[in-house]
Amino acid sequence: PKPSTADSTIMFSPQKQQELAAASTTAARKK
């Protein structure tokens, strides 16, 4: 996701962070 401004950083909940980590791992394994 793109940040809302050039200098801001989007904060995710721990659950969302876990989901993103799992998704990136799955994508990597599909290589």
PDB file of all heavy atoms in Angstrom:
ATOM      1  N   PRO A   1       0.827  -1.204   0.000  1.00  0.00           N
ATOM      2  CA  PRO A   1       0.000   0.000   0.000  1.00  0.00           C
ATOM      3  C   PRO A   1       0.861   1.253   0.000  1.00  0.00           C
ATOM      4  O   PRO A   1       1.928   1.295   0.623  1.00  0.00           O
ATOM      5  CB  PRO A   1      -0.793  -0.116   1.318  1.00  0.00           C
ATOM      6  CG  PRO A   1      -0.708  -1.547   1.703  1.00  0.00           C
ATOM      7  CD  PRO A   1       0.589  -2.060   1.174  1.00  0.00           C
ATOM      8  N   LYS A   2       0.422   2.265  -0.752  1.00  0.00           N
ATOM      9  CA  LYS A   2       1.160   3.519  -0.812  1.00  0.00           C
ATOM     10  C   LYS A   2       0.893   4.353   0.445  1.00  0.00           C
ATOM     11  O   LYS A   2      -0.238   4.409   0.923  1.00  0.00           O
ATOM     12  CB  LYS A   2       0.743   4.318  -2.048  1.00  0.00           C
ATOM     13  CG  LYS A   2       1.145   3.656  -3.357  1.00  0.00           C
ATOM     14  CD  LYS A   2       0.749   4.520  -4.526  1.00  0.00           C
ATOM     15  CE  LYS A   2       1.171   3.871  -5.853  1.00  0.00           C
ATOM     16  NZ  LYS A   2       0.759   4.710  -6.999  1.00  0.00           N
ATOM     17  N   PRO A   3       1.914   5.026   0.989  1.00  0.00           N
ATOM     18  CA  PRO A   3       1.699   5.902   2.136  1.00  0.00           C
ATOM     19  C   PRO A   3       0.764   7.048   1.773  1.00  0.00           C
ATOM     20  O   PRO A   3       0.702   7.469   0.623  1.00  0.00           O
ATOM     21  CB  PRO A   3       3.107   6.418   2.464  1.00  0.00           C
ATOM     22  CG  PRO A   3       4.040   5.462   1.797  1.00  0.00           C
ATOM     23  CD  PRO A   3       3.324   4.948   0.596  1.00  0.00           C
ATOM     24  N   SER A   4       0.060   7.555   2.756  1.00  0.00           N
ATOM     25  CA  SER A   4      -0.884   8.631   2.506  1.00  0.00           C
ATOM     26  C   SER A   4      -0.166   9.922   2.142  1.00  0.00           C
ATOM     27  O   SER A   4      -0.685  10.752   1.414  1.00  0.00           O
ATOM     28  CB  SER A   4      -1.758   8.861   3.746  1.00  0.00           C
ATOM     29  OG  SER A   4      -0.933   9.098   4.882  1.00  0.00           O
ATOM     30  N   THR A   5       1.067  10.129   2.641  1.00  0.00           N
ATOM     31  CA  THR A   5       1.883  11.270   2.246  1.00  0.00           C
ATOM     32  C   THR A   5       3.292  10.772   1.995  1.00  0.00           C
ATOM     33  O   THR A   5       3.634   9.622   2.298  1.00  0.00           O
ATOM     34  CB  THR A   5       1.904  12.350   3.348  1.00  0.00           C
ATOM     35  OG1 THR A   5       2.624  11.830   4.478  1.00  0.00           O
ATOM     36  CG2 THR A   5       0.503  12.754   3.769  1.00  0.00           C
ATOM     37  N   ALA A   6       4.120  11.646   1.465  1.00  0.00           N
ATOM     38  CA  ALA A   6       5.475  11.234   1.092  1.00  0.00           C
ATOM     39  C   ALA A   6       6.294  10.814   2.306  1.00  0.00           C
ATOM     40  O   ALA A   6       7.181   9.968   2.196  1.00  0.00           O
ATOM     41  CB  ALA A   6       6.173  12.375   0.359  1.00  0.00           C
ATOM     42  N   ASP A   7       6.041  11.396   3.487  1.00  0.00           N
ATOM     43  CA  ASP A   7       6.871  11.134   4.651  1.00  0.00           C
ATOM     44  C   ASP A   7       6.220  10.222   5.684  1.00  0.00           C
ATOM     45  O   ASP A   7       6.867   9.834   6.649  1.00  0.00           O
ATOM     46  CB  ASP A   7       7.239  12.455   5.337  1.00  0.00           C
ATOM     47  CG  ASP A   7       8.077  13.348   4.422  1.00  0.00           C
ATOM     48  OD1 ASP A   7       8.895  12.793   3.669  1.00  0.00           O
ATOM     49  OD2 ASP A   7       7.880  14.577   4.451  1.00  0.00           O
ATOM     50  N   SER A   8       4.946   9.915   5.496  1.00  0.00           N
ATOM     51  CA  SER A   8       4.248   9.135   6.517  1.00  0.00           C
ATOM     52  C   SER A   8       4.425   7.646   6.292  1.00  0.00           C
ATOM     53  O   SER A   8       4.726   7.199   5.191  1.00  0.00           O
ATOM     54  CB  SER A   8       2.751   9.481   6.519  1.00  0.00           C
ATOM     55  OG  SER A   8       2.175   9.134   5.278  1.00  0.00           O
ATOM     56  N   THR A   9       4.260   6.877   7.348  1.00  0.00           N
ATOM     57  CA  THR A   9       4.354   5.420   7.290  1.00  0.00           C
ATOM     58  C   THR A   9       3.066   4.826   7.833  1.00  0.00           C
ATOM     59  O   THR A   9       2.608   5.208   8.911  1.00  0.00           O
ATOM     60  CB  THR A   9       5.534   4.913   8.131  1.00  0.00           C
ATOM     61  OG1 THR A   9       6.740   5.494   7.627  1.00  0.00           O
ATOM     62  CG2 THR A   9       5.634   3.401   8.060  1.00  0.00           C
ATOM     63  N   ILE A  10       2.485   3.897   7.066  1.00  0.00           N
ATOM     64  CA  ILE A  10       1.250   3.264   7.506  1.00  0.00           C
ATOM     65  C   ILE A  10       1.560   2.246   8.595  1.00  0.00           C
ATOM     66  O   ILE A  10       2.477   1.442   8.465  1.00  0.00           O
ATOM     67  CB  ILE A  10       0.532   2.571   6.328  1.00  0.00           C
ATOM     68  CG1 ILE A  10       0.084   3.622   5.300  1.00  0.00           C
ATOM     69  CG2 ILE A  10      -0.661   1.761   6.806  1.00  0.00           C
ATOM     70  CD1 ILE A  10      -0.570   3.028   4.080  1.00  0.00           C
ATOM     71  N   MET A  11       0.797   2.301   9.667  1.00  0.00           N
ATOM     72  CA  MET A  11       0.956   1.358  10.773  1.00  0.00           C
ATOM     73  C   MET A  11      -0.078   0.250  10.653  1.00  0.00           C
ATOM     74  O   MET A  11      -1.260   0.525  10.437  1.00  0.00           O
ATOM     75  CB  MET A  11       0.789   2.077  12.115  1.00  0.00           C
ATOM     76  CG  MET A  11       1.850   3.141  12.389  1.00  0.00           C
ATOM     77  SD  MET A  11       3.511   2.433  12.542  1.00  0.00           S
ATOM     78  CE  MET A  11       3.298   1.475  14.041  1.00  0.00           C
ATOM     79  N   PHE A  12       0.349  -1.017  10.754  1.00  0.00           N
ATOM     80  CA  PHE A  12      -0.555  -2.155  10.691  1.00  0.00           C
ATOM     81  C   PHE A  12      -0.650  -2.796  12.066  1.00  0.00           C
ATOM     82  O   PHE A  12       0.308  -2.761  12.858  1.00  0.00           O
ATOM     83  CB  PHE A  12      -0.069  -3.200   9.684  1.00  0.00           C
ATOM     84  CG  PHE A  12      -0.124  -2.731   8.254  1.00  0.00           C
ATOM     85  CD1 PHE A  12       1.043  -2.563   7.529  1.00  0.00           C
ATOM     86  CD2 PHE A  12      -1.336  -2.467   7.645  1.00  0.00           C
ATOM     87  CE1 PHE A  12       1.003  -2.141   6.208  1.00  0.00           C
ATOM     88  CE2 PHE A  12      -1.383  -2.051   6.323  1.00  0.00           C
ATOM     89  CZ  PHE A  12      -0.217  -1.879   5.605  1.00  0.00           C
ATOM     90  N   SER A  13      -1.779  -3.417  12.318  1.00  0.00           N
ATOM     91  CA  SER A  13      -1.948  -4.170  13.560  1.00  0.00           C
ATOM     92  C   SER A  13      -1.075  -5.414  13.502  1.00  0.00           C
ATOM     93  O   SER A  13      -0.670  -5.864  12.422  1.00  0.00           O
ATOM     94  CB  SER A  13      -3.409  -4.589  13.731  1.00  0.00           C
ATOM     95  OG  SER A  13      -3.758  -5.528  12.724  1.00  0.00           O
ATOM     96  N   PRO A  14      -0.764  -6.009  14.659  1.00  0.00           N
ATOM     97  CA  PRO A  14       0.041  -7.254  14.653  1.00  0.00           C
ATOM     98  C   PRO A  14      -0.566  -8.343  13.773  1.00  0.00           C
ATOM     99  O   PRO A  14       0.159  -9.089  13.101  1.00  0.00           O
ATOM    100  CB  PRO A  14       0.061  -7.650  16.128  1.00  0.00           C
ATOM    101  CG  PRO A  14      -0.094  -6.354  16.861  1.00  0.00           C
ATOM    102  CD  PRO A  14      -1.029  -5.530  16.020  1.00  0.00           C
ATOM    103  N   GLN A  15      -1.904  -8.442  13.765  1.00  0.00           N
ATOM    104  CA  GLN A  15      -2.558  -9.465  12.941  1.00  0.00           C
ATOM    105  C   GLN A  15      -2.319  -9.189  11.452  1.00  0.00           C
ATOM    106  O   GLN A  15      -2.030 -10.100  10.678  1.00  0.00           O
ATOM    107  CB  GLN A  15      -4.057  -9.496  13.231  1.00  0.00           C
ATOM    108  CG  GLN A  15      -4.803 -10.564  12.418  1.00  0.00           C
ATOM    109  CD  GLN A  15      -6.285 -10.604  12.738  1.00  0.00           C
ATOM    110  OE1 GLN A  15      -6.754  -9.907  13.634  1.00  0.00           O
ATOM    111  NE2 GLN A  15      -7.026 -11.414  12.013  1.00  0.00           N
ATOM    112  N   LYS A  16      -2.429  -7.900  11.066  1.00  0.00           N
ATOM    113  CA  LYS A  16      -2.215  -7.532   9.670  1.00  0.00           C
ATOM    114  C   LYS A  16      -0.759  -7.761   9.277  1.00  0.00           C
ATOM    115  O   LYS A  16      -0.455  -8.224   8.169  1.00  0.00           O
ATOM    116  CB  LYS A  16      -2.591  -6.062   9.466  1.00  0.00           C
ATOM    117  CG  LYS A  16      -2.528  -5.613   8.011  1.00  0.00           C
ATOM    118  CD  LYS A  16      -3.561  -6.326   7.162  1.00  0.00           C
ATOM    119  CE  LYS A  16      -3.578  -5.793   5.746  1.00  0.00           C
ATOM    120  NZ  LYS A  16      -4.555  -6.511   4.879  1.00  0.00           N
ATOM    121  N   GLN A  17       0.152  -7.468  10.185  1.00  0.00           N
ATOM    122  CA  GLN A  17       1.562  -7.711   9.911  1.00  0.00           C
ATOM    123  C   GLN A  17       1.816  -9.194   9.653  1.00  0.00           C
ATOM    124  O   GLN A  17       2.577  -9.576   8.761  1.00  0.00           O
ATOM    125  CB  GLN A  17       2.413  -7.219  11.087  1.00  0.00           C
ATOM    126  CG  GLN A  17       2.414  -5.708  11.263  1.00  0.00           C
ATOM    127  CD  GLN A  17       3.112  -5.284  12.535  1.00  0.00           C
ATOM    128  OE1 GLN A  17       3.717  -6.110  13.221  1.00  0.00           O
ATOM    129  NE2 GLN A  17       3.030  -4.010  12.861  1.00  0.00           N
ATOM    130  N   GLN A  18       1.152 -10.069  10.450  1.00  0.00           N
ATOM    131  CA  GLN A  18       1.297 -11.514  10.284  1.00  0.00           C
ATOM    132  C   GLN A  18       0.752 -11.959   8.935  1.00  0.00           C
ATOM    133  O   GLN A  18       1.348 -12.789   8.241  1.00  0.00           O
ATOM    134  CB  GLN A  18       0.559 -12.240  11.417  1.00  0.00           C
ATOM    135  CG  GLN A  18       0.771 -13.751  11.446  1.00  0.00           C
ATOM    136  CD  GLN A  18       2.165 -14.117  11.910  1.00  0.00           C
ATOM    137  OE1 GLN A  18       2.789 -13.376  12.654  1.00  0.00           O
ATOM    138  NE2 GLN A  18       2.668 -15.252  11.441  1.00  0.00           N
ATOM    139  N   GLU A  19      -0.403 -11.381   8.543  1.00  0.00           N
ATOM    140  CA  GLU A  19      -1.011 -11.728   7.253  1.00  0.00           C
ATOM    141  C   GLU A  19      -0.105 -11.327   6.094  1.00  0.00           C
ATOM    142  O   GLU A  19       0.053 -12.077   5.129  1.00  0.00           O
ATOM    143  CB  GLU A  19      -2.374 -11.049   7.127  1.00  0.00           C
ATOM    144  CG  GLU A  19      -3.441 -11.607   8.065  1.00  0.00           C
ATOM    145  CD  GLU A  19      -4.735 -10.804   8.001  1.00  0.00           C
ATOM    146  OE1 GLU A  19      -4.762  -9.804   7.253  1.00  0.00           O
ATOM    147  OE2 GLU A  19      -5.702 -11.173   8.700  1.00  0.00           O
ATOM    148  N   LEU A  20       0.475 -10.128   6.181  1.00  0.00           N
ATOM    149  CA  LEU A  20       1.361  -9.672   5.116  1.00  0.00           C
ATOM    150  C   LEU A  20       2.611 -10.530   5.024  1.00  0.00           C
ATOM    151  O   LEU A  20       3.090 -10.842   3.927  1.00  0.00           O
ATOM    152  CB  LEU A  20       1.738  -8.206   5.343  1.00  0.00           C
ATOM    153  CG  LEU A  20       0.619  -7.181   5.146  1.00  0.00           C
ATOM    154  CD1 LEU A  20       1.090  -5.808   5.572  1.00  0.00           C
ATOM    155  CD2 LEU A  20       0.149  -7.168   3.707  1.00  0.00           C
ATOM    156  N   ALA A  21       3.146 -10.926   6.177  1.00  0.00           N
ATOM    157  CA  ALA A  21       4.339 -11.780   6.185  1.00  0.00           C
ATOM    158  C   ALA A  21       4.041 -13.133   5.554  1.00  0.00           C
ATOM    159  O   ALA A  21       4.833 -13.666   4.772  1.00  0.00           O
ATOM    160  CB  ALA A  21       4.840 -11.962   7.615  1.00  0.00           C
ATOM    161  N   ALA A  22       2.862 -13.684   5.895  1.00  0.00           N
ATOM    162  CA  ALA A  22       2.474 -14.984   5.323  1.00  0.00           C
ATOM    163  C   ALA A  22       2.275 -14.872   3.821  1.00  0.00           C
ATOM    164  O   ALA A  22       2.666 -15.755   3.055  1.00  0.00           O
ATOM    165  CB  ALA A  22       1.191 -15.478   5.989  1.00  0.00           C
ATOM    166  N   ALA A  23       1.660 -13.747   3.369  1.00  0.00           N
ATOM    167  CA  ALA A  23       1.403 -13.558   1.940  1.00  0.00           C
ATOM    168  C   ALA A  23       2.705 -13.437   1.162  1.00  0.00           C
ATOM    169  O   ALA A  23       2.861 -13.996   0.072  1.00  0.00           O
ATOM    170  CB  ALA A  23       0.540 -12.318   1.723  1.00  0.00           C
ATOM    171  N   SER A  24       3.675 -12.700   1.718  1.00  0.00           N
ATOM    172  CA  SER A  24       4.946 -12.536   1.019  1.00  0.00           C
ATOM    173  C   SER A  24       5.715 -13.852   0.949  1.00  0.00           C
ATOM    174  O   SER A  24       6.385 -14.147  -0.042  1.00  0.00           O
ATOM    175  CB  SER A  24       5.802 -11.467   1.707  1.00  0.00           C
ATOM    176  OG  SER A  24       6.117 -11.864   3.027  1.00  0.00           O
ATOM    177  N   THR A  25       5.612 -14.665   2.000  1.00  0.00           N
ATOM    178  CA  THR A  25       6.269 -15.974   1.999  1.00  0.00           C
ATOM    179  C   THR A  25       5.662 -16.886   0.951  1.00  0.00           C
ATOM    180  O   THR A  25       6.356 -17.581   0.210  1.00  0.00           O
ATOM    181  CB  THR A  25       6.168 -16.631   3.390  1.00  0.00           C
ATOM    182  OG1 THR A  25       6.777 -15.786   4.345  1.00  0.00           O
ATOM    183  CG2 THR A  25       6.851 -17.998   3.393  1.00  0.00           C
ATOM    184  N   THR A  26       4.327 -16.884   0.874  1.00  0.00           N
ATOM    185  CA  THR A  26       3.629 -17.698  -0.124  1.00  0.00           C
ATOM    186  C   THR A  26       4.024 -17.287  -1.533  1.00  0.00           C
ATOM    187  O   THR A  26       4.261 -18.122  -2.409  1.00  0.00           O
ATOM    188  CB  THR A  26       2.104 -17.567   0.049  1.00  0.00           C
ATOM    189  OG1 THR A  26       1.749 -18.010   1.356  1.00  0.00           O
ATOM    190  CG2 THR A  26       1.372 -18.400  -0.993  1.00  0.00           C
ATOM    191  N   ALA A  27       4.085 -15.960  -1.763  1.00  0.00           N
ATOM    192  CA  ALA A  27       4.456 -15.471  -3.092  1.00  0.00           C
ATOM    193  C   ALA A  27       5.871 -15.900  -3.450  1.00  0.00           C
ATOM    194  O   ALA A  27       6.151 -16.274  -4.589  1.00  0.00           O
ATOM    195  CB  ALA A  27       4.337 -13.950  -3.134  1.00  0.00           C
ATOM    196  N   ALA A  28       6.763 -15.864  -2.458  1.00  0.00           N
ATOM    197  CA  ALA A  28       8.144 -16.259  -2.721  1.00  0.00           C
ATOM    198  C   ALA A  28       8.232 -17.729  -3.084  1.00  0.00           C
ATOM    199  O   ALA A  28       8.998 -18.133  -3.951  1.00  0.00           O
ATOM    200  CB  ALA A  28       9.014 -15.970  -1.497  1.00  0.00           C
ATOM    201  N   ARG A  29       7.438 -18.565  -2.416  1.00  0.00           N
ATOM    202  CA  ARG A  29       7.471 -20.001  -2.679  1.00  0.00           C
ATOM    203  C   ARG A  29       6.920 -20.349  -4.051  1.00  0.00           C
ATOM    204  O   ARG A  29       7.147 -21.439  -4.548  1.00  0.00           O
ATOM    205  CB  ARG A  29       6.695 -20.743  -1.593  1.00  0.00           C
ATOM    206  CG  ARG A  29       7.393 -20.765  -0.241  1.00  0.00           C
ATOM    207  CD  ARG A  29       6.634 -21.585   0.769  1.00  0.00           C
ATOM    208  NE  ARG A  29       7.281 -21.579   2.065  1.00  0.00           N
ATOM    209  CZ  ARG A  29       8.276 -22.384   2.404  1.00  0.00           C
ATOM    210  NH1 ARG A  29       8.728 -23.259   1.536  1.00  0.00           N
ATOM    211  NH2 ARG A  29       8.811 -22.322   3.595  1.00  0.00           N
ATOM    212  N   LYS A  30       6.173 -19.447  -4.669  1.00  0.00           N
ATOM    213  CA  LYS A  30       5.609 -19.720  -5.983  1.00  0.00           C
ATOM    214  C   LYS A  30       6.606 -19.475  -7.107  1.00  0.00           C
ATOM    215  O   LYS A  30       6.301 -19.681  -8.266  1.00  0.00           O
ATOM    216  CB  LYS A  30       4.350 -18.868  -6.200  1.00  0.00           C
ATOM    217  CG  LYS A  30       3.162 -19.343  -5.371  1.00  0.00           C
ATOM    218  CD  LYS A  30       1.908 -18.570  -5.697  1.00  0.00           C
ATOM    219  CE  LYS A  30       0.728 -19.093  -4.894  1.00  0.00           C
ATOM    220  NZ  LYS A  30      -0.513 -18.337  -5.170  1.00  0.00           N
ATOM    221  N   LYS A  31       7.807 -18.985  -6.755  1.00  0.00           N
ATOM    222  CA  LYS A  31       8.818 -18.835  -7.778  1.00  0.00           C
ATOM    223  C   LYS A  31       9.211 -20.218  -8.283  1.00  0.00           C
ATOM    224  O   LYS A  31       9.216 -21.187  -7.529  1.00  0.00           O
ATOM    225  CB  LYS A  31      10.031 -18.088  -7.219  1.00  0.00           C
ATOM    226  CG  LYS A  31       9.738 -16.622  -6.932  1.00  0.00           C
ATOM    227  CD  LYS A  31      10.981 -15.872  -6.534  1.00  0.00           C
ATOM    228  CE  LYS A  31      10.655 -14.400  -6.324  1.00  0.00           C
ATOM    229  NZ  LYS A  31      11.866 -13.616  -5.970  1.00  0.00           N
TER     230      LYS A  31
END
